[in-house]
C-alpha atoms as a PDB file:
ATOM      1  CA  MET A   1       0.000   0.000   0.000  1.00  0.00           C
ATOM      2  CA  LYS A   2       1.245   3.457  -0.894  1.00  0.00           C
ATOM      3  CA  TYR A   3      -1.194   5.046   1.569  1.00  0.00           C
ATOM      4  CA  LYS A   4      -2.719   2.845   4.277  1.00  0.00           C
ATOM      5  CA  ARG A   5      -4.528   5.528   6.273  1.00  0.00           C
ATOM      6  CA  VAL A   6      -6.363   8.099   4.163  1.00  0.00           C
ATOM      7  CA  LEU A   7      -8.232  11.282   5.045  1.00  0.00           C
ATOM      8  CA  LEU A   8     -10.751  12.040   2.291  1.00  0.00           C
ATOM      9  CA  LYS A   9     -12.322  15.508   1.988  1.00  0.00           C
ATOM     10  CA  LEU A  10     -15.746  15.459   0.343  1.00  0.00           C
ATOM     11  CA  SER A  11     -17.590  18.683  -0.397  1.00  0.00           C
ATOM     12  CA  GLY A  12     -21.309  18.906   0.187  1.00  0.00           C
ATOM     13  CA  GLU A  13     -21.745  19.582  -3.533  1.00  0.00           C
ATOM     14  CA  VAL A  14     -20.301  16.141  -4.310  1.00  0.00           C
ATOM     15  CA  LEU A  15     -23.083  14.500  -2.270  1.00  0.00           C
ATOM     16  CA  ALA A  16     -25.686  16.699  -3.974  1.00  0.00           C
ATOM     17  CA  GLY A  17     -24.722  15.294  -7.377  1.00  0.00           C
ATOM     18  CA  GLU A  18     -26.675  16.772 -10.279  1.00  0.00           C
ATOM     19  CA  LYS A  19     -29.313  18.125  -7.901  1.00  0.00           C
ATOM     20  CA  LYS A  20     -26.893  20.906  -6.875  1.00  0.00           C
ATOM     21  CA  HIS A  21     -28.688  21.161  -3.517  1.00  0.00           C
ATOM     22  CA  GLY A  22     -29.567  18.699  -0.762  1.00  0.00           C
ATOM     23  CA  ILE A  23     -28.480  15.067  -0.964  1.00  0.00           C
ATOM     24  CA  ASP A  24     -28.575  12.764  -3.980  1.00  0.00           C
ATOM     25  CA  PHE A  25     -28.838   9.382  -2.267  1.00  0.00           C
ATOM     26  CA  ASN A  26     -27.862   7.402  -5.370  1.00  0.00           C
ATOM     27  CA  ARG A  27     -24.698   9.516  -5.708  1.00  0.00           C
ATOM     28  CA  THR A  28     -23.958   9.124  -1.996  1.00  0.00           C
ATOM     29  CA  LEU A  29     -24.411   5.361  -2.214  1.00  0.00           C
ATOM     30  CA  SER A  30     -22.123   5.191  -5.265  1.00  0.00           C
ATOM     31  CA  ILE A  31     -19.352   6.994  -3.337  1.00  0.00           C
ATOM     32  CA  ALA A  32     -19.825   4.643  -0.373  1.00  0.00           C
ATOM     33  CA  GLU A  33     -19.534   1.592  -2.645  1.00  0.00           C
ATOM     34  CA  GLU A  34     -16.189   2.764  -4.068  1.00  0.00           C
ATOM     35  CA  ILE A  35     -14.872   3.369  -0.559  1.00  0.00           C
ATOM     36  CA  LYS A  36     -16.124  -0.073   0.492  1.00  0.00           C
ATOM     37  CA  GLU A  37     -13.829  -1.668  -2.104  1.00  0.00           C
ATOM     38  CA  CYS A  38     -10.864   0.117  -0.488  1.00  0.00           C
ATOM     39  CA  VAL A  39     -11.889  -0.834   3.055  1.00  0.00           C
ATOM     40  CA  GLU A  40     -12.107  -4.487   2.004  1.00  0.00           C
ATOM     41  CA  LEU A  41      -8.497  -4.241   0.783  1.00  0.00           C
ATOM     42  CA  GLY A  42      -7.376  -3.042   4.222  1.00  0.00           C
ATOM     43  CA  TYR A  43      -7.295   0.734   3.755  1.00  0.00           C
ATOM     44  CA  GLU A  44      -8.230   2.884   6.744  1.00  0.00           C
ATOM     45  CA  ILE A  45     -10.542   5.710   5.689  1.00  0.00           C
ATOM     46  CA  GLY A  46     -11.473   8.884   7.521  1.00  0.00           C
ATOM     47  CA  ILE A  47     -13.804  11.372   5.822  1.00  0.00           C
ATOM     48  CA  VAL A  48     -14.407  15.073   6.410  1.00  0.00           C
ATOM     49  CA  VAL A  49     -17.613  16.318   4.780  1.00  0.00           C
ATOM     50  CA  GLY A  50     -18.514  19.862   3.852  1.00  0.00           C
ATOM     51  CA  GLY A  51     -21.952  21.442   4.012  1.00  0.00           C
ATOM     52  CA  GLY A  52     -22.122  23.658   0.934  1.00  0.00           C
ATOM     53  CA  ASN A  53     -25.101  21.749  -0.480  1.00  0.00           C
ATOM     54  CA  PHE A  54     -27.160  23.182   2.402  1.00  0.00           C
ATOM     55  CA  TRP A  55     -25.450  26.387   3.517  1.00  0.00           C
ATOM     56  CA  ARG A  56     -22.520  28.555   2.542  1.00  0.00           C
ATOM     57  CA  GLY A  57     -21.531  30.748   5.477  1.00  0.00           C
ATOM     58  CA  LYS A  58     -19.043  33.068   3.749  1.00  0.00           C
ATOM     59  CA  SER A  59     -21.545  34.146   1.128  1.00  0.00           C
ATOM     60  CA  ASN A  60     -24.146  35.200   3.719  1.00  0.00           C
ATOM     61  CA  ASP A  61     -24.004  38.979   4.191  1.00  0.00           C
ATOM     62  CA  TYR A  62     -27.106  39.261   6.363  1.00  0.00           C
ATOM     63  CA  MET A  63     -25.953  37.370   9.431  1.00  0.00           C
ATOM     64  CA  ASP A  64     -23.206  37.384  12.029  1.00  0.00           C
ATOM     65  CA  ARG A  65     -20.305  35.364  10.543  1.00  0.00           C
ATOM     66  CA  ALA A  66     -19.924  33.047  13.545  1.00  0.00           C
ATOM     67  CA  THR A  67     -23.652  32.253  13.602  1.00  0.00           C
ATOM     68  CA  SER A  68     -23.611  31.596   9.872  1.00  0.00           C
ATOM     69  CA  ASP A  69     -20.637  29.267  10.250  1.00  0.00           C
ATOM     70  CA  TYR A  70     -22.390  27.292  12.999  1.00  0.00           C
ATOM     71  CA  ILE A  71     -25.383  26.822  10.723  1.00  0.00           C
ATOM     72  CA  GLY A  72     -22.978  25.475   8.102  1.00  0.00           C
ATOM     73  CA  MET A  73     -21.619  23.005  10.650  1.00  0.00           C
ATOM     74  CA  MET A  74     -25.153  21.626  11.102  1.00  0.00           C
ATOM     75  CA  GLY A  75     -25.231  21.067   7.341  1.00  0.00           C
ATOM     76  CA  THR A  76     -22.075  18.954   7.558  1.00  0.00           C
ATOM     77  CA  VAL A  77     -23.744  16.775  10.187  1.00  0.00           C
ATOM     78  CA  MET A  78     -26.691  16.089   7.884  1.00  0.00           C
ATOM     79  CA  ASN A  79     -24.250  15.029   5.178  1.00  0.00           C
ATOM     80  CA  ALA A  80     -22.229  12.898   7.599  1.00  0.00           C
ATOM     81  CA  LEU A  81     -25.345  11.063   8.794  1.00  0.00           C
ATOM     82  CA  ALA A  82     -26.562  10.474   5.228  1.00  0.00           C
ATOM     83  CA  LEU A  83     -23.164   9.118   4.161  1.00  0.00           C
ATOM     84  CA  GLY A  84     -22.987   7.006   7.309  1.00  0.00           C
ATOM     85  CA  ASP A  85     -26.386   5.522   6.499  1.00  0.00           C
ATOM     86  CA  ALA A  86     -25.184   4.650   2.982  1.00  0.00           C
ATOM     87  CA  PHE A  87     -22.256   2.724   4.467  1.00  0.00           C
ATOM     88  CA  LYS A  88     -24.591   0.844   6.807  1.00  0.00           C
ATOM     89  CA  GLN A  89     -26.818  -0.135   3.889  1.00  0.00           C
ATOM     90  CA  ILE A  90     -23.908  -1.853   2.133  1.00  0.00           C
ATOM     91  CA  GLY A  91     -22.484  -3.488   5.251  1.00  0.00           C
ATOM     92  CA  VAL A  92     -19.516  -1.209   5.985  1.00  0.00           C
ATOM     93  CA  PRO A  93     -18.813  -0.548   9.691  1.00  0.00           C
ATOM     94  CA  VAL A  94     -18.921   3.208  10.234  1.00  0.00           C
ATOM     95  CA  ARG A  95     -18.861   5.811  12.992  1.00  0.00           C
ATOM     96  CA  VAL A  96     -19.908   9.452  12.741  1.00  0.00           C
ATOM     97  CA  GLN A  97     -18.067  11.858  15.031  1.00  0.00           C
ATOM     98  CA  THR A  98     -18.853  15.547  15.467  1.00  0.00           C
ATOM     99  CA  ALA A  99     -16.690  18.358  16.802  1.00  0.00           C
ATOM    100  CA  ILE A 100     -19.762  19.784  18.577  1.00  0.00           C
ATOM    101  CA  GLU A 101     -21.457  17.441  21.011  1.00  0.00           C
ATOM    102  CA  MET A 102     -24.818  16.026  19.890  1.00  0.00           C
ATOM    103  CA  ARG A 103     -24.866  12.677  21.634  1.00  0.00           C
ATOM    104  CA  GLN A 104     -28.282  11.572  20.360  1.00  0.00           C
ATOM    105  CA  VAL A 105     -27.043  11.376  16.764  1.00  0.00           C
ATOM    106  CA  ALA A 106     -23.249  10.928  16.784  1.00  0.00           C
ATOM    107  CA  GLU A 107     -20.135  10.460  18.896  1.00  0.00           C
ATOM    108  CA  LEU A 108     -18.201  13.456  20.111  1.00  0.00           C
ATOM    109  CA  TYR A 109     -14.875  13.663  18.274  1.00  0.00           C
ATOM    110  CA  ILE A 110     -12.042  12.225  20.365  1.00  0.00           C
ATOM    111  CA  LYS A 111      -8.758  11.646  18.558  1.00  0.00           C
ATOM    112  CA  ASP A 112      -7.811   8.372  20.251  1.00  0.00           C
ATOM    113  CA  ARG A 113     -11.300   6.956  19.770  1.00  0.00           C
ATOM    114  CA  ALA A 114     -11.218   7.863  16.075  1.00  0.00           C
ATOM    115  CA  ILE A 115      -7.856   6.124  15.661  1.00  0.00           C
ATOM    116  CA  ARG A 116      -9.175   3.054  17.478  1.00  0.00           C
ATOM    117  CA  HIS A 117     -12.123   2.883  15.068  1.00  0.00           C
ATOM    118  CA  LEU A 118      -9.760   3.141  12.094  1.00  0.00           C
ATOM    119  CA  ASN A 119      -7.562   0.381  13.503  1.00  0.00           C
ATOM    120  CA  LYS A 120     -10.650  -1.845  13.691  1.00  0.00           C
ATOM    121  CA  GLY A 121     -11.475  -1.270  10.023  1.00  0.00           C
ATOM    122  CA  ARG A 122     -14.319   1.183  10.552  1.00  0.00           C
ATOM    123  CA  VAL A 123     -14.849   4.206   8.330  1.00  0.00           C
ATOM    124  CA  VAL A 124     -14.912   7.367  10.447  1.00  0.00           C
ATOM    125  CA  ILE A 125     -16.863  10.395   9.236  1.00  0.00           C
ATOM    126  CA  PHE A 126     -16.032  13.749  10.816  1.00  0.00           C
ATOM    127  CA  GLY A 127     -18.775  16.384  10.997  1.00  0.00           C
ATOM    128  CA  CYS A 128     -18.904  20.013  12.209  1.00  0.00           C
ATOM    129  CA  GLY A 129     -15.544  20.942  10.696  1.00  0.00           C
ATOM    130  CA  THR A 130     -13.148  22.047  13.434  1.00  0.00           C
ATOM    131  CA  GLY A 131     -16.053  22.952  15.719  1.00  0.00           C
ATOM    132  CA  SER A 132     -15.065  26.629  15.574  1.00  0.00           C
ATOM    133  CA  PRO A 133     -16.288  29.408  13.260  1.00  0.00           C
ATOM    134  CA  PHE A 134     -13.981  31.125  10.754  1.00  0.00           C
ATOM    135  CA  PHE A 135     -12.304  27.814   9.845  1.00  0.00           C
ATOM    136  CA  SER A 136     -13.305  25.982   6.669  1.00  0.00           C
ATOM    137  CA  THR A 137     -13.870  22.258   6.278  1.00  0.00           C
ATOM    138  CA  ASP A 138     -10.682  22.269   4.165  1.00  0.00           C
ATOM    139  CA  THR A 139      -8.812  23.351   7.280  1.00  0.00           C
ATOM    140  CA  ALA A 140     -10.708  20.724   9.277  1.00  0.00           C
ATOM    141  CA  SER A 141      -9.583  18.030   6.831  1.00  0.00           C
ATOM    142  CA  SER A 142      -5.898  18.942   7.189  1.00  0.00           C
ATOM    143  CA  LEU A 143      -6.304  19.123  10.980  1.00  0.00           C
ATOM    144  CA  ARG A 144      -7.957  15.702  11.201  1.00  0.00           C
ATOM    145  CA  ALA A 145      -5.359  14.260   8.813  1.00  0.00           C
ATOM    146  CA  ALA A 146      -2.604  15.458  11.148  1.00  0.00           C
ATOM    147  CA  GLU A 147      -4.395  14.212  14.273  1.00  0.00           C
ATOM    148  CA  ILE A 148      -5.061  10.688  13.005  1.00  0.00           C
ATOM    149  CA  ASN A 149      -1.598  10.422  11.396  1.00  0.00           C
ATOM    150  CA  ALA A 150      -3.001  10.010   7.888  1.00  0.00           C
ATOM    151  CA  ASP A 151      -0.562   9.056   5.143  1.00  0.00           C
ATOM    152  CA  VAL A 152      -2.303  11.377   2.676  1.00  0.00           C
ATOM    153  CA  LEU A 153      -5.053  13.972   2.450  1.00  0.00           C
ATOM    154  CA  ILE A 154      -7.211  13.479  -0.633  1.00  0.00           C
ATOM    155  CA  LYS A 155      -9.520  16.248  -1.803  1.00  0.00           C
ATOM    156  CA  ALA A 156     -12.343  15.319  -4.161  1.00  0.00           C
ATOM    157  CA  THR A 157     -13.183  18.086  -6.654  1.00  0.00           C
ATOM    158  CA  LYS A 158     -14.968  18.658  -9.952  1.00  0.00           C
ATOM    159  CA  VAL A 159     -11.698  19.051 -11.892  1.00  0.00           C
ATOM    160  CA  ASP A 160      -8.964  16.524 -12.578  1.00  0.00           C
ATOM    161  CA  GLY A 161      -6.223  18.279 -10.611  1.00  0.00           C
ATOM    162  CA  ILE A 162      -4.641  21.664  -9.974  1.00  0.00           C
ATOM    163  CA  TYR A 163      -4.216  24.134 -12.854  1.00  0.00           C
ATOM    164  CA  ASP A 164      -2.310  27.405 -13.120  1.00  0.00           C
ATOM    165  CA  LYS A 165      -5.647  29.100 -13.867  1.00  0.00           C
ATOM    166  CA  ASP A 166      -9.310  28.129 -13.980  1.00  0.00           C
ATOM    167  CA  PRO A 167      -9.618  25.508 -16.765  1.00  0.00           C
ATOM    168  CA  LYS A 168     -13.328  26.285 -17.157  1.00  0.00           C
ATOM    169  CA  LYS A 169     -12.523  29.872 -18.120  1.00  0.00           C
ATOM    170  CA  HIS A 170      -9.157  29.469 -19.868  1.00  0.00           C
ATOM    171  CA  ASP A 171      -8.471  26.978 -22.661  1.00  0.00           C
ATOM    172  CA  ASP A 172      -4.726  27.403 -22.198  1.00  0.00           C
ATOM    173  CA  ALA A 173      -4.763  26.414 -18.507  1.00  0.00           C
ATOM    174  CA  ILE A 174      -1.867  24.106 -17.623  1.00  0.00           C
ATOM    175  CA  LYS A 175      -2.371  21.165 -15.265  1.00  0.00           C
ATOM    176  CA  TYR A 176       0.257  20.299 -12.672  1.00  0.00           C
ATOM    177  CA  ASP A 177       0.980  16.618 -12.062  1.00  0.00           C
ATOM    178  CA  GLU A 178       3.077  17.562  -9.046  1.00  0.00           C
ATOM    179  CA  ILE A 179       3.589  20.864  -7.229  1.00  0.00           C
ATOM    180  CA  SER A 180       5.026  22.006  -3.904  1.00  0.00           C
ATOM    181  CA  TYR A 181       3.027  23.502  -1.042  1.00  0.00           C
ATOM    182  CA  ILE A 182       4.934  26.771  -1.259  1.00  0.00           C
ATOM    183  CA  GLU A 183       4.164  27.095  -4.987  1.00  0.00           C
ATOM    184  CA  VAL A 184       0.444  26.640  -4.295  1.00  0.00           C
ATOM    185  CA  LEU A 185       0.638  29.423  -1.709  1.00  0.00           C
ATOM    186  CA  ASN A 186       2.802  31.777  -3.775  1.00  0.00           C
ATOM    187  CA  LYS A 187       0.743  31.331  -6.926  1.00  0.00           C
ATOM    188  CA  LYS A 188      -2.512  31.646  -4.971  1.00  0.00           C
ATOM    189  CA  LEU A 189      -3.975  28.499  -6.487  1.00  0.00           C
ATOM    190  CA  HIS A 190      -7.296  28.337  -4.685  1.00  0.00           C
ATOM    191  CA  VAL A 191      -7.879  24.598  -4.781  1.00  0.00           C
ATOM    192  CA  ILE A 192      -7.772  24.460  -0.975  1.00  0.00           C
ATOM    193  CA  ASP A 193      -7.504  27.279   1.534  1.00  0.00           C
ATOM    194  CA  SER A 194      -4.119  28.619   2.630  1.00  0.00           C
ATOM    195  CA  THR A 195      -4.521  27.541   6.273  1.00  0.00           C
ATOM    196  CA  ALA A 196      -5.046  23.942   5.191  1.00  0.00           C
ATOM    197  CA  ILE A 197      -2.063  24.014   2.827  1.00  0.00           C
ATOM    198  CA  SER A 198       0.151  25.531   5.520  1.00  0.00           C
ATOM    199  CA  LEU A 199      -0.747  22.798   8.005  1.00  0.00           C
ATOM    200  CA  CYS A 200      -0.098  20.077   5.410  1.00  0.00           C
ATOM    201  CA  MET A 201       3.283  21.661   4.679  1.00  0.00           C
ATOM    202  CA  GLU A 202       4.180  21.907   8.362  1.00  0.00           C
ATOM    203  CA  GLU A 203       3.179  18.292   9.063  1.00  0.00           C
ATOM    204  CA  ASN A 204       4.485  16.998   5.705  1.00  0.00           C
ATOM    205  CA  ILE A 205       1.158  15.467   4.687  1.00  0.00           C
ATOM    206  CA  PRO A 206       0.875  14.891   0.906  1.00  0.00           C
ATOM    207  CA  LEU A 207      -2.243  16.413  -0.645  1.00  0.00           C
ATOM    208  CA  LEU A 208      -3.901  14.763  -3.656  1.00  0.00           C
ATOM    209  CA  VAL A 209      -6.513  16.606  -5.711  1.00  0.00           C
ATOM    210  CA  PHE A 210      -8.607  14.656  -8.228  1.00  0.00           C
ATOM    211  CA  ASN A 211     -11.920  14.583 -10.101  1.00  0.00           C
ATOM    212  CA  ILE A 212     -14.443  12.458  -8.218  1.00  0.00           C
ATOM    213  CA  ASN A 213     -17.119  12.802 -10.909  1.00  0.00           C
ATOM    214  CA  LYS A 214     -15.395  10.224 -13.117  1.00  0.00           C
ATOM    215  CA  LYS A 215     -16.497   6.780 -11.938  1.00  0.00           C
ATOM    216  CA  GLY A 216     -13.667   4.667 -10.568  1.00  0.00           C
ATOM    217  CA  ASN A 217     -11.377   7.620  -9.816  1.00  0.00           C
ATOM    218  CA  LEU A 218     -12.025   7.485  -6.079  1.00  0.00           C
ATOM    219  CA  PHE A 219     -10.919   3.850  -5.884  1.00  0.00           C
ATOM    220  CA  LYS A 220      -7.907   4.585  -8.077  1.00  0.00           C
ATOM    221  CA  VAL A 221      -6.670   7.559  -6.074  1.00  0.00           C
ATOM    222  CA  ILE A 222      -7.025   5.825  -2.693  1.00  0.00           C
ATOM    223  CA  THR A 223      -5.194   2.748  -3.943  1.00  0.00           C
ATOM    224  CA  GLY A 224      -2.269   4.848  -5.178  1.00  0.00           C
ATOM    225  CA  LYS A 225      -2.885   5.123  -8.928  1.00  0.00           C
ATOM    226  CA  LYS A 226      -1.286   8.200 -10.502  1.00  0.00           C
ATOM    227  CA  ILE A 227      -4.166  10.533 -11.256  1.00  0.00           C
ATOM    228  CA  GLY A 228      -4.902  14.151 -10.361  1.00  0.00           C
ATOM    229  CA  THR A 229      -2.277  16.422  -8.822  1.00  0.00           C
ATOM    230  CA  ILE A 230      -0.086  15.730  -5.804  1.00  0.00           C
ATOM    231  CA  VAL A 231       1.139  18.546  -3.558  1.00  0.00           C
ATOM    232  CA  LYS A 232       4.167  17.802  -1.393  1.00  0.00           C
ATOM    233  CA  ASN A 233       7.563  19.104  -0.335  1.00  0.00           C
END
Protein backbone atom coordinates (compact mmCIF):
# COMPACT_ATOMS: atom_id res chain seq x y z
CA MET A 1 0.00 0.00 0.00
CA LYS A 2 1.24 3.46 -0.89
CA TYR A 3 -1.19 5.05 1.57
CA LYS A 4 -2.72 2.84 4.28
CA ARG A 5 -4.53 5.53 6.27
CA VAL A 6 -6.36 8.10 4.16
CA LEU A 7 -8.23 11.28 5.04
CA LEU A 8 -10.75 12.04 2.29
CA LYS A 9 -12.32 15.51 1.99
CA LEU A 10 -15.75 15.46 0.34
CA SER A 11 -17.59 18.68 -0.40
CA GLY A 12 -21.31 18.91 0.19
CA GLU A 13 -21.75 19.58 -3.53
CA VAL A 14 -20.30 16.14 -4.31
CA LEU A 15 -23.08 14.50 -2.27
CA ALA A 16 -25.69 16.70 -3.97
CA GLY A 17 -24.72 15.29 -7.38
CA GLU A 18 -26.68 16.77 -10.28
CA LYS A 19 -29.31 18.12 -7.90
CA LYS A 20 -26.89 20.91 -6.88
CA HIS A 21 -28.69 21.16 -3.52
CA GLY A 22 -29.57 18.70 -0.76
CA ILE A 23 -28.48 15.07 -0.96
CA ASP A 24 -28.57 12.76 -3.98
CA PHE A 25 -28.84 9.38 -2.27
CA ASN A 26 -27.86 7.40 -5.37
CA ARG A 27 -24.70 9.52 -5.71
CA THR A 28 -23.96 9.12 -2.00
CA LEU A 29 -24.41 5.36 -2.21
CA SER A 30 -22.12 5.19 -5.27
CA ILE A 31 -19.35 6.99 -3.34
CA ALA A 32 -19.83 4.64 -0.37
CA GLU A 33 -19.53 1.59 -2.65
CA GLU A 34 -16.19 2.76 -4.07
CA ILE A 35 -14.87 3.37 -0.56
CA LYS A 36 -16.12 -0.07 0.49
CA GLU A 37 -13.83 -1.67 -2.10
CA CYS A 38 -10.86 0.12 -0.49
CA VAL A 39 -11.89 -0.83 3.06
CA GLU A 40 -12.11 -4.49 2.00
CA LEU A 41 -8.50 -4.24 0.78
CA GLY A 42 -7.38 -3.04 4.22
CA TYR A 43 -7.29 0.73 3.76
CA GLU A 44 -8.23 2.88 6.74
CA ILE A 45 -10.54 5.71 5.69
CA GLY A 46 -11.47 8.88 7.52
CA ILE A 47 -13.80 11.37 5.82
CA VAL A 48 -14.41 15.07 6.41
CA VAL A 49 -17.61 16.32 4.78
CA GLY A 50 -18.51 19.86 3.85
CA GLY A 51 -21.95 21.44 4.01
CA GLY A 52 -22.12 23.66 0.93
CA ASN A 53 -25.10 21.75 -0.48
CA PHE A 54 -27.16 23.18 2.40
CA TRP A 55 -25.45 26.39 3.52
CA ARG A 56 -22.52 28.56 2.54
CA GLY A 57 -21.53 30.75 5.48
CA LYS A 58 -19.04 33.07 3.75
CA SER A 59 -21.55 34.15 1.13
CA ASN A 60 -24.15 35.20 3.72
CA ASP A 61 -24.00 38.98 4.19
CA TYR A 62 -27.11 39.26 6.36
CA MET A 63 -25.95 37.37 9.43
CA ASP A 64 -23.21 37.38 12.03
CA ARG A 65 -20.31 35.36 10.54
CA ALA A 66 -19.92 33.05 13.55
CA THR A 67 -23.65 32.25 13.60
CA SER A 68 -23.61 31.60 9.87
CA ASP A 69 -20.64 29.27 10.25
CA TYR A 70 -22.39 27.29 13.00
CA ILE A 71 -25.38 26.82 10.72
CA GLY A 72 -22.98 25.48 8.10
CA MET A 73 -21.62 23.01 10.65
CA MET A 74 -25.15 21.63 11.10
CA GLY A 75 -25.23 21.07 7.34
CA THR A 76 -22.07 18.95 7.56
CA VAL A 77 -23.74 16.78 10.19
CA MET A 78 -26.69 16.09 7.88
CA ASN A 79 -24.25 15.03 5.18
CA ALA A 80 -22.23 12.90 7.60
CA LEU A 81 -25.34 11.06 8.79
CA ALA A 82 -26.56 10.47 5.23
CA LEU A 83 -23.16 9.12 4.16
CA GLY A 84 -22.99 7.01 7.31
CA ASP A 85 -26.39 5.52 6.50
CA ALA A 86 -25.18 4.65 2.98
CA PHE A 87 -22.26 2.72 4.47
CA LYS A 88 -24.59 0.84 6.81
CA GLN A 89 -26.82 -0.13 3.89
CA ILE A 90 -23.91 -1.85 2.13
CA GLY A 91 -22.48 -3.49 5.25
CA VAL A 92 -19.52 -1.21 5.98
CA PRO A 93 -18.81 -0.55 9.69
CA VAL A 94 -18.92 3.21 10.23
CA ARG A 95 -18.86 5.81 12.99
CA VAL A 96 -19.91 9.45 12.74
CA GLN A 97 -18.07 11.86 15.03
CA THR A 98 -18.85 15.55 15.47
CA ALA A 99 -16.69 18.36 16.80
CA ILE A 100 -19.76 19.78 18.58
CA GLU A 101 -21.46 17.44 21.01
CA MET A 102 -24.82 16.03 19.89
CA ARG A 103 -24.87 12.68 21.63
CA GLN A 104 -28.28 11.57 20.36
CA VAL A 105 -27.04 11.38 16.76
CA ALA A 106 -23.25 10.93 16.78
CA GLU A 107 -20.13 10.46 18.90
CA LEU A 108 -18.20 13.46 20.11
CA TYR A 109 -14.88 13.66 18.27
CA ILE A 110 -12.04 12.23 20.36
CA LYS A 111 -8.76 11.65 18.56
CA ASP A 112 -7.81 8.37 20.25
CA ARG A 113 -11.30 6.96 19.77
CA ALA A 114 -11.22 7.86 16.07
CA ILE A 115 -7.86 6.12 15.66
CA ARG A 116 -9.17 3.05 17.48
CA HIS A 117 -12.12 2.88 15.07
CA LEU A 118 -9.76 3.14 12.09
CA ASN A 119 -7.56 0.38 13.50
CA LYS A 120 -10.65 -1.85 13.69
CA GLY A 121 -11.48 -1.27 10.02
CA ARG A 122 -14.32 1.18 10.55
CA VAL A 123 -14.85 4.21 8.33
CA VAL A 124 -14.91 7.37 10.45
CA ILE A 125 -16.86 10.39 9.24
CA PHE A 126 -16.03 13.75 10.82
CA GLY A 127 -18.77 16.38 11.00
CA CYS A 128 -18.90 20.01 12.21
CA GLY A 129 -15.54 20.94 10.70
CA THR A 130 -13.15 22.05 13.43
CA GLY A 131 -16.05 22.95 15.72
CA SER A 132 -15.07 26.63 15.57
CA PRO A 133 -16.29 29.41 13.26
CA PHE A 134 -13.98 31.12 10.75
CA PHE A 135 -12.30 27.81 9.84
CA SER A 136 -13.30 25.98 6.67
CA THR A 137 -13.87 22.26 6.28
CA ASP A 138 -10.68 22.27 4.16
CA THR A 139 -8.81 23.35 7.28
CA ALA A 140 -10.71 20.72 9.28
CA SER A 141 -9.58 18.03 6.83
CA SER A 142 -5.90 18.94 7.19
CA LEU A 143 -6.30 19.12 10.98
CA ARG A 144 -7.96 15.70 11.20
CA ALA A 145 -5.36 14.26 8.81
CA ALA A 146 -2.60 15.46 11.15
CA GLU A 147 -4.40 14.21 14.27
CA ILE A 148 -5.06 10.69 13.00
CA ASN A 149 -1.60 10.42 11.40
CA ALA A 150 -3.00 10.01 7.89
CA ASP A 151 -0.56 9.06 5.14
CA VAL A 152 -2.30 11.38 2.68
CA LEU A 153 -5.05 13.97 2.45
CA ILE A 154 -7.21 13.48 -0.63
CA LYS A 155 -9.52 16.25 -1.80
CA ALA A 156 -12.34 15.32 -4.16
CA THR A 157 -13.18 18.09 -6.65
CA LYS A 158 -14.97 18.66 -9.95
CA VAL A 159 -11.70 19.05 -11.89
CA ASP A 160 -8.96 16.52 -12.58
CA GLY A 161 -6.22 18.28 -10.61
CA ILE A 162 -4.64 21.66 -9.97
CA TYR A 163 -4.22 24.13 -12.85
CA ASP A 164 -2.31 27.41 -13.12
CA LYS A 165 -5.65 29.10 -13.87
CA ASP A 166 -9.31 28.13 -13.98
CA PRO A 167 -9.62 25.51 -16.77
CA LYS A 168 -13.33 26.28 -17.16
CA LYS A 169 -12.52 29.87 -18.12
CA HIS A 170 -9.16 29.47 -19.87
CA ASP A 171 -8.47 26.98 -22.66
CA ASP A 172 -4.73 27.40 -22.20
CA ALA A 173 -4.76 26.41 -18.51
CA ILE A 174 -1.87 24.11 -17.62
CA LYS A 175 -2.37 21.16 -15.27
CA TYR A 176 0.26 20.30 -12.67
CA ASP A 177 0.98 16.62 -12.06
CA GLU A 178 3.08 17.56 -9.05
CA ILE A 179 3.59 20.86 -7.23
CA SER A 180 5.03 22.01 -3.90
CA TYR A 181 3.03 23.50 -1.04
CA ILE A 182 4.93 26.77 -1.26
CA GLU A 183 4.16 27.10 -4.99
CA VAL A 184 0.44 26.64 -4.29
CA LEU A 185 0.64 29.42 -1.71
CA ASN A 186 2.80 31.78 -3.78
CA LYS A 187 0.74 31.33 -6.93
CA LYS A 188 -2.51 31.65 -4.97
CA LEU A 189 -3.98 28.50 -6.49
CA HIS A 190 -7.30 28.34 -4.68
CA VAL A 191 -7.88 24.60 -4.78
CA ILE A 192 -7.77 24.46 -0.98
CA ASP A 193 -7.50 27.28 1.53
CA SER A 194 -4.12 28.62 2.63
CA THR A 195 -4.52 27.54 6.27
CA ALA A 196 -5.05 23.94 5.19
CA ILE A 197 -2.06 24.01 2.83
CA SER A 198 0.15 25.53 5.52
CA LEU A 199 -0.75 22.80 8.00
CA CYS A 200 -0.10 20.08 5.41
CA MET A 201 3.28 21.66 4.68
CA GLU A 202 4.18 21.91 8.36
CA GLU A 203 3.18 18.29 9.06
CA ASN A 204 4.49 17.00 5.70
CA ILE A 205 1.16 15.47 4.69
CA PRO A 206 0.87 14.89 0.91
CA LEU A 207 -2.24 16.41 -0.65
CA LEU A 208 -3.90 14.76 -3.66
CA VAL A 209 -6.51 16.61 -5.71
CA PHE A 210 -8.61 14.66 -8.23
CA ASN A 211 -11.92 14.58 -10.10
CA ILE A 212 -14.44 12.46 -8.22
CA ASN A 213 -17.12 12.80 -10.91
CA LYS A 214 -15.39 10.22 -13.12
CA LYS A 215 -16.50 6.78 -11.94
CA GLY A 216 -13.67 4.67 -10.57
CA ASN A 217 -11.38 7.62 -9.82
CA LEU A 218 -12.02 7.48 -6.08
CA PHE A 219 -10.92 3.85 -5.88
CA LYS A 220 -7.91 4.59 -8.08
CA VAL A 221 -6.67 7.56 -6.07
CA ILE A 222 -7.03 5.83 -2.69
CA THR A 223 -5.19 2.75 -3.94
CA GLY A 224 -2.27 4.85 -5.18
CA LYS A 225 -2.88 5.12 -8.93
CA LYS A 226 -1.29 8.20 -10.50
CA ILE A 227 -4.17 10.53 -11.26
CA GLY A 228 -4.90 14.15 -10.36
CA THR A 229 -2.28 16.42 -8.82
CA ILE A 230 -0.09 15.73 -5.80
CA VAL A 231 1.14 18.55 -3.56
CA LYS A 232 4.17 17.80 -1.39
CA ASN A 233 7.56 19.10 -0.33
